[in-house]
Structure formats: structure tokens, C-alpha cells
Amino acid sequence: MEAAITALVAFIGGGVALNNRLHNRINNVHDRISGLDRRIDAIELNVAQDYVSKADLSVMVQRMEDHMVRIENKLDQIVLRN
């Protein structure tokens, strides 16, 4: 009887130890995933603050080209007058 109780206690202790170890690994993985998630969020925020969308850039380039064409036309008119 004592051997059975000892074996049962050892089995339960082993199960508890295994359970704790699994939870520690799961928590470790969860912490690493959370850390990666925070880093990705920081990168996304950085990109959103520092870079321009393609649509916005296209609008700005088009405005710049329109201004350059107007300047070229004015220069052409000045050259033709002289």
C-alpha cells in the first residue's frame, strides 16, 4: 500500500512539474510574441510618421511637374521676346 501511495505521489509530482514546465514554455513563447508584436507596432508607427503614401507622392510630383511646366513656359516667352 505504501508503495502505491508513494508511486501516486511521485506520479502527481511529475505531472505538476511537467505542467509547470509547459506553462513556462508557453509563457516564454507568449512573451517573445508580445515583444515582436510591440517591435512591429513601433516599426509601423515609424513608417507611418516618416514616409509618404504612393498616392500622396504622386499628387506632390504632379504639382511639382505642373509648376516646372509653367516656369518653362515663362522662360520660353522671355527668350522669344528677346
PDB file of N, CA and C in Angstrom:
ATOM      1  N   MET A   1       0.816  -1.187   0.000  1.00  0.00           N
ATOM      2  CA  MET A   1       0.000   0.000   0.000  1.00  0.00           C
ATOM      3  C   MET A   1       0.869   1.264   0.000  1.00  0.00           C
ATOM      4  N   GLU A   2       1.903   1.261   0.842  1.00  0.00           N
ATOM      5  CA  GLU A   2       2.771   2.430   0.900  1.00  0.00           C
ATOM      6  C   GLU A   2       3.463   2.678  -0.439  1.00  0.00           C
ATOM      7  N   ALA A   3       3.814   1.617  -1.112  1.00  0.00           N
ATOM      8  CA  ALA A   3       4.474   1.747  -2.415  1.00  0.00           C
ATOM      9  C   ALA A   3       3.525   2.377  -3.428  1.00  0.00           C
ATOM     10  N   ALA A   4       2.262   2.003  -3.370  1.00  0.00           N
ATOM     11  CA  ALA A   4       1.271   2.561  -4.295  1.00  0.00           C
ATOM     12  C   ALA A   4       1.075   4.048  -4.021  1.00  0.00           C
ATOM     13  N   ILE A   5       1.004   4.426  -2.744  1.00  0.00           N
ATOM     14  CA  ILE A   5       0.832   5.843  -2.384  1.00  0.00           C
ATOM     15  C   ILE A   5       2.068   6.634  -2.807  1.00  0.00           C
ATOM     16  N   THR A   6       3.249   6.070  -2.591  1.00  0.00           N
ATOM     17  CA  THR A   6       4.487   6.736  -2.990  1.00  0.00           C
ATOM     18  C   THR A   6       4.532   6.915  -4.504  1.00  0.00           C
ATOM     19  N   ALA A   7       4.128   5.867  -5.223  1.00  0.00           N
ATOM     20  CA  ALA A   7       4.110   5.948  -6.688  1.00  0.00           C
ATOM     21  C   ALA A   7       3.106   6.989  -7.156  1.00  0.00           C
ATOM     22  N   LEU A   8       1.934   7.042  -6.524  1.00  0.00           N
ATOM     23  CA  LEU A   8       0.910   8.017  -6.877  1.00  0.00           C
ATOM     24  C   LEU A   8       1.395   9.436  -6.610  1.00  0.00           C
ATOM     25  N   VAL A   9       2.032   9.663  -5.470  1.00  0.00           N
ATOM     26  CA  VAL A   9       2.565  10.984  -5.135  1.00  0.00           C
ATOM     27  C   VAL A   9       3.655  11.369  -6.140  1.00  0.00           C
ATOM     28  N   ALA A  10       4.513  10.409  -6.493  1.00  0.00           N
ATOM     29  CA  ALA A  10       5.570  10.689  -7.473  1.00  0.00           C
ATOM     30  C   ALA A  10       4.961  11.001  -8.839  1.00  0.00           C
ATOM     31  N   PHE A  11       3.921  10.257  -9.218  1.00  0.00           N
ATOM     32  CA  PHE A  11       3.248  10.495 -10.494  1.00  0.00           C
ATOM     33  C   PHE A  11       2.605  11.882 -10.523  1.00  0.00           C
ATOM     34  N   ILE A  12       1.923  12.237  -9.452  1.00  0.00           N
ATOM     35  CA  ILE A  12       1.288  13.565  -9.370  1.00  0.00           C
ATOM     36  C   ILE A  12       2.363  14.653  -9.372  1.00  0.00           C
ATOM     37  N   GLY A  13       3.445  14.437  -8.617  1.00  0.00           N
ATOM     38  CA  GLY A  13       4.544  15.420  -8.604  1.00  0.00           C
ATOM     39  C   GLY A  13       5.160  15.586  -9.980  1.00  0.00           C
ATOM     40  N   GLY A  14       5.351  14.468 -10.687  1.00  0.00           N
ATOM     41  CA  GLY A  14       5.887  14.540 -12.049  1.00  0.00           C
ATOM     42  C   GLY A  14       4.941  15.279 -12.985  1.00  0.00           C
ATOM     43  N   GLY A  15       3.644  15.011 -12.826  1.00  0.00           N
ATOM     44  CA  GLY A  15       2.645  15.717 -13.648  1.00  0.00           C
ATOM     45  C   GLY A  15       2.650  17.213 -13.384  1.00  0.00           C
ATOM     46  N   VAL A  16       2.750  17.577 -12.116  1.00  0.00           N
ATOM     47  CA  VAL A  16       2.807  19.001 -11.752  1.00  0.00           C
ATOM     48  C   VAL A  16       4.061  19.651 -12.323  1.00  0.00           C
ATOM     49  N   ALA A  17       5.183  18.958 -12.211  1.00  0.00           N
ATOM     50  CA  ALA A  17       6.441  19.503 -12.743  1.00  0.00           C
ATOM     51  C   ALA A  17       6.355  19.665 -14.260  1.00  0.00           C
ATOM     52  N   LEU A  18       5.797  18.665 -14.938  1.00  0.00           N
ATOM     53  CA  LEU A  18       5.627  18.748 -16.386  1.00  0.00           C
ATOM     54  C   LEU A  18       4.687  19.882 -16.760  1.00  0.00           C
ATOM     55  N   ASN A  19       3.599  20.011 -16.005  1.00  0.00           N
ATOM     56  CA  ASN A  19       2.637  21.084 -16.256  1.00  0.00           C
ATOM     57  C   ASN A  19       3.292  22.458 -16.081  1.00  0.00           C
ATOM     58  N   ASN A  20       4.079  22.625 -15.015  1.00  0.00           N
ATOM     59  CA  ASN A  20       4.764  23.899 -14.781  1.00  0.00           C
ATOM     60  C   ASN A  20       5.743  24.202 -15.910  1.00  0.00           C
ATOM     61  N   ARG A  21       6.442  23.164 -16.343  1.00  0.00           N
ATOM     62  CA  ARG A  21       7.417  23.367 -17.409  1.00  0.00           C
ATOM     63  C   ARG A  21       6.737  23.782 -18.716  1.00  0.00           C
ATOM     64  N   LEU A  22       5.621  23.132 -19.021  1.00  0.00           N
ATOM     65  CA  LEU A  22       4.865  23.505 -20.224  1.00  0.00           C
ATOM     66  C   LEU A  22       4.346  24.942 -20.133  1.00  0.00           C
ATOM     67  N   HIS A  23       3.817  25.296 -18.972  1.00  0.00           N
ATOM     68  CA  HIS A  23       3.323  26.669 -18.801  1.00  0.00           C
ATOM     69  C   HIS A  23       4.452  27.688 -18.916  1.00  0.00           C
ATOM     70  N   ASN A  24       5.616  27.364 -18.387  1.00  0.00           N
ATOM     71  CA  ASN A  24       6.762  28.272 -18.505  1.00  0.00           C
ATOM     72  C   ASN A  24       7.150  28.455 -19.967  1.00  0.00           C
ATOM     73  N   ARG A  25       7.160  27.350 -20.715  1.00  0.00           N
ATOM     74  CA  ARG A  25       7.497  27.465 -22.147  1.00  0.00           C
ATOM     75  C   ARG A  25       6.449  28.272 -22.897  1.00  0.00           C
ATOM     76  N   ILE A  26       5.184  28.009 -22.590  1.00  0.00           N
ATOM     77  CA  ILE A  26       4.103  28.757 -23.236  1.00  0.00           C
ATOM     78  C   ILE A  26       4.218  30.236 -22.900  1.00  0.00           C
ATOM     79  N   ASN A  27       4.469  30.555 -21.646  1.00  0.00           N
ATOM     80  CA  ASN A  27       4.624  31.952 -21.246  1.00  0.00           C
ATOM     81  C   ASN A  27       5.826  32.595 -21.923  1.00  0.00           C
ATOM     82  N   ASN A  28       6.920  31.828 -22.058  1.00  0.00           N
ATOM     83  CA  ASN A  28       8.113  32.338 -22.726  1.00  0.00           C
ATOM     84  C   ASN A  28       7.809  32.655 -24.184  1.00  0.00           C
ATOM     85  N   VAL A  29       7.117  31.728 -24.854  1.00  0.00           N
ATOM     86  CA  VAL A  29       6.741  31.965 -26.256  1.00  0.00           C
ATOM     87  C   VAL A  29       5.801  33.163 -26.344  1.00  0.00           C
ATOM     88  N   HIS A  30       4.852  33.234 -25.426  1.00  0.00           N
ATOM     89  CA  HIS A  30       3.911  34.360 -25.431  1.00  0.00           C
ATOM     90  C   HIS A  30       4.640  35.686 -25.229  1.00  0.00           C
ATOM     91  N   ASP A  31       5.599  35.714 -24.315  1.00  0.00           N
ATOM     92  CA  ASP A  31       6.379  36.932 -24.081  1.00  0.00           C
ATOM     93  C   ASP A  31       7.177  37.326 -25.320  1.00  0.00           C
ATOM     94  N   ARG A  32       7.755  36.328 -25.989  1.00  0.00           N
ATOM     95  CA  ARG A  32       8.526  36.622 -27.204  1.00  0.00           C
ATOM     96  C   ARG A  32       7.613  37.146 -28.303  1.00  0.00           C
ATOM     97  N   ILE A  33       6.436  36.544 -28.449  1.00  0.00           N
ATOM     98  CA  ILE A  33       5.487  37.015 -29.458  1.00  0.00           C
ATOM     99  C   ILE A  33       5.026  38.427 -29.127  1.00  0.00           C
ATOM    100  N   SER A  34       4.759  38.693 -27.855  1.00  0.00           N
ATOM    101  CA  SER A  34       4.343  40.040 -27.448  1.00  0.00           C
ATOM    102  C   SER A  34       5.445  41.049 -27.737  1.00  0.00           C
ATOM    103  N   GLY A  35       6.693  40.664 -27.479  1.00  0.00           N
ATOM    104  CA  GLY A  35       7.815  41.558 -27.768  1.00  0.00           C
ATOM    105  C   GLY A  35       7.927  41.840 -29.251  1.00  0.00           C
ATOM    106  N   LEU A  36       7.785  40.806 -30.072  1.00  0.00           N
ATOM    107  CA  LEU A  36       7.823  41.006 -31.528  1.00  0.00           C
ATOM    108  C   LEU A  36       6.671  41.884 -31.985  1.00  0.00           C
ATOM    109  N   ASP A  37       5.502  41.679 -31.394  1.00  0.00           N
ATOM    110  CA  ASP A  37       4.338  42.484 -31.749  1.00  0.00           C
ATOM    111  C   ASP A  37       4.576  43.951 -31.420  1.00  0.00           C
ATOM    112  N   ARG A  38       5.168  44.222 -30.271  1.00  0.00           N
ATOM    113  CA  ARG A  38       5.485  45.614 -29.905  1.00  0.00           C
ATOM    114  C   ARG A  38       6.501  46.215 -30.871  1.00  0.00           C
ATOM    115  N   ARG A  39       7.508  45.422 -31.269  1.00  0.00           N
ATOM    116  CA  ARG A  39       8.510  45.930 -32.204  1.00  0.00           C
ATOM    117  C   ARG A  39       7.885  46.222 -33.570  1.00  0.00           C
ATOM    118  N   ILE A  40       7.010  45.345 -34.032  1.00  0.00           N
ATOM    119  CA  ILE A  40       6.343  45.571 -35.316  1.00  0.00           C
ATOM    120  C   ILE A  40       5.459  46.803 -35.244  1.00  0.00           C
ATOM    121  N   ASP A  41       4.748  46.979 -34.132  1.00  0.00           N
ATOM    122  CA  ASP A  41       3.920  48.177 -33.961  1.00  0.00           C
ATOM    123  C   ASP A  41       4.777  49.440 -34.016  1.00  0.00           C
ATOM    124  N   ALA A  42       5.953  49.392 -33.397  1.00  0.00           N
ATOM    125  CA  ALA A  42       6.842  50.555 -33.414  1.00  0.00           C
ATOM    126  C   ALA A  42       7.320  50.841 -34.828  1.00  0.00           C
ATOM    127  N   ILE A  43       7.628  49.790 -35.590  1.00  0.00           N
ATOM    128  CA  ILE A  43       8.068  49.980 -36.973  1.00  0.00           C
ATOM    129  C   ILE A  43       6.929  50.564 -37.810  1.00  0.00           C
ATOM    130  N   GLU A  44       5.716  50.034 -37.632  1.00  0.00           N
ATOM    131  CA  GLU A  44       4.571  50.555 -38.380  1.00  0.00           C
ATOM    132  C   GLU A  44       4.348  52.038 -38.070  1.00  0.00           C
ATOM    133  N   LEU A  45       4.460  52.395 -36.811  1.00  0.00           N
ATOM    134  CA  LEU A  45       4.287  53.792 -36.428  1.00  0.00           C
ATOM    135  C   LEU A  45       5.372  54.658 -37.044  1.00  0.00           C
ATOM    136  N   ASN A  46       6.604  54.172 -37.026  1.00  0.00           N
ATOM    137  CA  ASN A  46       7.722  54.898 -37.609  1.00  0.00           C
ATOM    138  C   ASN A  46       7.510  55.114 -39.109  1.00  0.00           C
ATOM    139  N   VAL A  47       7.086  54.063 -39.800  1.00  0.00           N
ATOM    140  CA  VAL A  47       6.846  54.174 -41.236  1.00  0.00           C
ATOM    141  C   VAL A  47       5.720  55.170 -41.502  1.00  0.00           C
ATOM    142  N   ALA A  48       4.654  55.089 -40.716  1.00  0.00           N
ATOM    143  CA  ALA A  48       3.524  55.991 -40.911  1.00  0.00           C
ATOM    144  C   ALA A  48       3.927  57.454 -40.679  1.00  0.00           C
ATOM    145  N   GLN A  49       4.850  57.674 -39.757  1.00  0.00           N
ATOM    146  CA  GLN A  49       5.262  59.045 -39.464  1.00  0.00           C
ATOM    147  C   GLN A  49       6.291  59.572 -40.454  1.00  0.00           C
ATOM    148  N   ASP A  50       7.175  58.712 -40.944  1.00  0.00           N
ATOM    149  CA  ASP A  50       8.319  59.167 -41.728  1.00  0.00           C
ATOM    150  C   ASP A  50       8.156  59.056 -43.233  1.00  0.00           C
ATOM    151  N   TYR A  51       7.218  58.272 -43.704  1.00  0.00           N
ATOM    152  CA  TYR A  51       7.116  58.034 -45.130  1.00  0.00           C
ATOM    153  C   TYR A  51       5.772  58.493 -45.665  1.00  0.00           C
ATOM    154  N   VAL A  52       5.741  58.744 -46.966  1.00  0.00           N
ATOM    155  CA  VAL A  52       4.551  59.259 -47.633  1.00  0.00           C
ATOM    156  C   VAL A  52       3.946  58.127 -48.449  1.00  0.00           C
ATOM    157  N   SER A  53       2.624  58.108 -48.509  1.00  0.00           N
ATOM    158  CA  SER A  53       1.978  57.077 -49.314  1.00  0.00           C
ATOM    159  C   SER A  53       2.223  57.345 -50.801  1.00  0.00           C
ATOM    160  N   LYS A  54       2.078  56.322 -51.594  1.00  0.00           N
ATOM    161  CA  LYS A  54       2.327  56.443 -53.034  1.00  0.00           C
ATOM    162  C   LYS A  54       1.343  57.427 -53.668  1.00  0.00           C
ATOM    163  N   ALA A  55       0.111  57.404 -53.232  1.00  0.00           N
ATOM    164  CA  ALA A  55      -0.899  58.323 -53.778  1.00  0.00           C
ATOM    165  C   ALA A  55      -0.532  59.772 -53.453  1.00  0.00           C
ATOM    166  N   ASP A  56      -0.134  60.030 -52.205  1.00  0.00           N
ATOM    167  CA  ASP A  56       0.240  61.396 -51.825  1.00  0.00           C
ATOM    168  C   ASP A  56       1.479  61.853 -52.597  1.00  0.00           C
ATOM    169  N   LEU A  57       2.448  60.954 -52.756  1.00  0.00           N
ATOM    170  CA  LEU A  57       3.652  61.300 -53.502  1.00  0.00           C
ATOM    171  C   LEU A  57       3.314  61.617 -54.955  1.00  0.00           C
ATOM    172  N   SER A  58       2.413  60.852 -55.531  1.00  0.00           N
ATOM    173  CA  SER A  58       2.004  61.086 -56.917  1.00  0.00           C
ATOM    174  C   SER A  58       1.388  62.473 -57.074  1.00  0.00           C
ATOM    175  N   VAL A  59       0.565  62.863 -56.130  1.00  0.00           N
ATOM    176  CA  VAL A  59      -0.056  64.193 -56.177  1.00  0.00           C
ATOM    177  C   VAL A  59       1.010  65.279 -56.069  1.00  0.00           C
ATOM    178  N   MET A  60       1.956  65.094 -55.167  1.00  0.00           N
ATOM    179  CA  MET A  60       3.016  66.095 -54.993  1.00  0.00           C
ATOM    180  C   MET A  60       3.900  66.196 -56.229  1.00  0.00           C
ATOM    181  N   VAL A  61       4.239  65.063 -56.825  1.00  0.00           N
ATOM    182  CA  VAL A  61       5.073  65.078 -58.024  1.00  0.00           C
ATOM    183  C   VAL A  61       4.331  65.757 -59.167  1.00  0.00           C
ATOM    184  N   GLN A  62       3.043  65.481 -59.293  1.00  0.00           N
ATOM    185  CA  GLN A  62       2.252  66.110 -60.355  1.00  0.00           C
ATOM    186  C   GLN A  62       2.206  67.626 -60.159  1.00  0.00           C
ATOM    187  N   ARG A  63       2.038  68.085 -58.938  1.00  0.00           N
ATOM    188  CA  ARG A  63       2.038  69.531 -58.682  1.00  0.00           C
ATOM    189  C   ARG A  63       3.392  70.142 -59.026  1.00  0.00           C
ATOM    190  N   MET A  64       4.472  69.438 -58.671  1.00  0.00           N
ATOM    191  CA  MET A  64       5.811  69.935 -58.980  1.00  0.00           C
ATOM    192  C   MET A  64       6.010  70.007 -60.490  1.00  0.00           C
ATOM    193  N   GLU A  65       5.555  68.983 -61.208  1.00  0.00           N
ATOM    194  CA  GLU A  65       5.691  68.991 -62.665  1.00  0.00           C
ATOM    195  C   GLU A  65       4.889  70.133 -63.281  1.00  0.00           C
ATOM    196  N   ASP A  66       3.697  70.376 -62.765  1.00  0.00           N
ATOM    197  CA  ASP A  66       2.879  71.492 -63.270  1.00  0.00           C
ATOM    198  C   ASP A  66       3.597  72.828 -63.069  1.00  0.00           C
ATOM    199  N   HIS A  67       4.202  73.002 -61.900  1.00  0.00           N
ATOM    200  CA  HIS A  67       4.955  74.233 -61.640  1.00  0.00           C
ATOM    201  C   HIS A  67       6.147  74.345 -62.591  1.00  0.00           C
ATOM    202  N   MET A  68       6.849  73.253 -62.803  1.00  0.00           N
ATOM    203  CA  MET A  68       8.011  73.280 -63.702  1.00  0.00           C
ATOM    204  C   MET A  68       7.590  73.624 -65.137  1.00  0.00           C
ATOM    205  N   VAL A  69       6.472  73.089 -65.579  1.00  0.00           N
ATOM    206  CA  VAL A  69       5.977  73.394 -66.931  1.00  0.00           C
ATOM    207  C   VAL A  69       5.643  74.879 -67.033  1.00  0.00           C
ATOM    208  N   ARG A  70       5.023  75.432 -66.007  1.00  0.00           N
ATOM    209  CA  ARG A  70       4.705  76.871 -66.032  1.00  0.00           C
ATOM    210  C   ARG A  70       5.979  77.712 -66.070  1.00  0.00           C
ATOM    211  N   ILE A  71       6.988  77.307 -65.291  1.00  0.00           N
ATOM    212  CA  ILE A  71       8.264  78.036 -65.304  1.00  0.00           C
ATOM    213  C   ILE A  71       8.911  77.930 -66.683  1.00  0.00           C
ATOM    214  N   GLU A  72       8.887  76.735 -67.267  1.00  0.00           N
ATOM    215  CA  GLU A  72       9.466  76.562 -68.609  1.00  0.00           C
ATOM    216  C   GLU A  72       8.749  77.442 -69.631  1.00  0.00           C
ATOM    217  N   ASN A  73       7.430  77.496 -69.539  1.00  0.00           N
ATOM    218  CA  ASN A  73       6.666  78.339 -70.472  1.00  0.00           C
ATOM    219  C   ASN A  73       7.026  79.815 -70.307  1.00  0.00           C
ATOM    220  N   LYS A  74       7.171  80.247 -69.083  1.00  0.00           N
ATOM    221  CA  LYS A  74       7.550  81.644 -68.844  1.00  0.00           C
ATOM    222  C   LYS A  74       8.951  81.922 -69.382  1.00  0.00           C
ATOM    223  N   LEU A  75       9.875  80.985 -69.165  1.00  0.00           N
ATOM    224  CA  LEU A  75      11.231  81.173 -69.692  1.00  0.00           C
ATOM    225  C   LEU A  75      11.220  81.201 -71.223  1.00  0.00           C
ATOM    226  N   ASP A  76      10.407  80.332 -71.823  1.00  0.00           N
ATOM    227  CA  ASP A  76      10.294  80.339 -73.292  1.00  0.00           C
ATOM    228  C   ASP A  76       9.766  81.680 -73.790  1.00  0.00           C
ATOM    229  N   GLN A  77       8.793  82.227 -73.107  1.00  0.00           N
ATOM    230  CA  GLN A  77       8.256  83.524 -73.514  1.00  0.00           C
ATOM    231  C   GLN A  77       9.290  84.630 -73.389  1.00  0.00           C
ATOM    232  N   ILE A  78      10.097  84.576 -72.325  1.00  0.00           N
ATOM    233  CA  ILE A  78      11.149  85.575 -72.137  1.00  0.00           C
ATOM    234  C   ILE A  78      12.177  85.463 -73.257  1.00  0.00           C
ATOM    235  N   VAL A  79      12.562  84.237 -73.601  1.00  0.00           N
ATOM    236  CA  VAL A  79      13.552  84.039 -74.660  1.00  0.00           C
ATOM    237  C   VAL A  79      13.002  84.521 -76.003  1.00  0.00           C
ATOM    238  N   LEU A  80      11.740  84.241 -76.283  1.00  0.00           N
ATOM    239  CA  LEU A  80      11.135  84.640 -77.561  1.00  0.00           C
ATOM    240  C   LEU A  80      11.002  86.164 -77.668  1.00  0.00           C
ATOM    241  N   ARG A  81      10.809  86.855 -76.567  1.00  0.00           N
ATOM    242  CA  ARG A  81      10.690  88.312 -76.599  1.00  0.00           C
ATOM    243  C   ARG A  81      12.032  88.944 -76.960  1.00  0.00           C
ATOM    244  N   ASN A  82      13.105  88.350 -76.510  1.00  0.00           N
ATOM    245  CA  ASN A  82      14.422  88.942 -76.730  1.00  0.00           C
ATOM    246  C   ASN A  82      14.966  88.482 -78.005  1.00  0.00           C
TER     247      ASN A  82
END
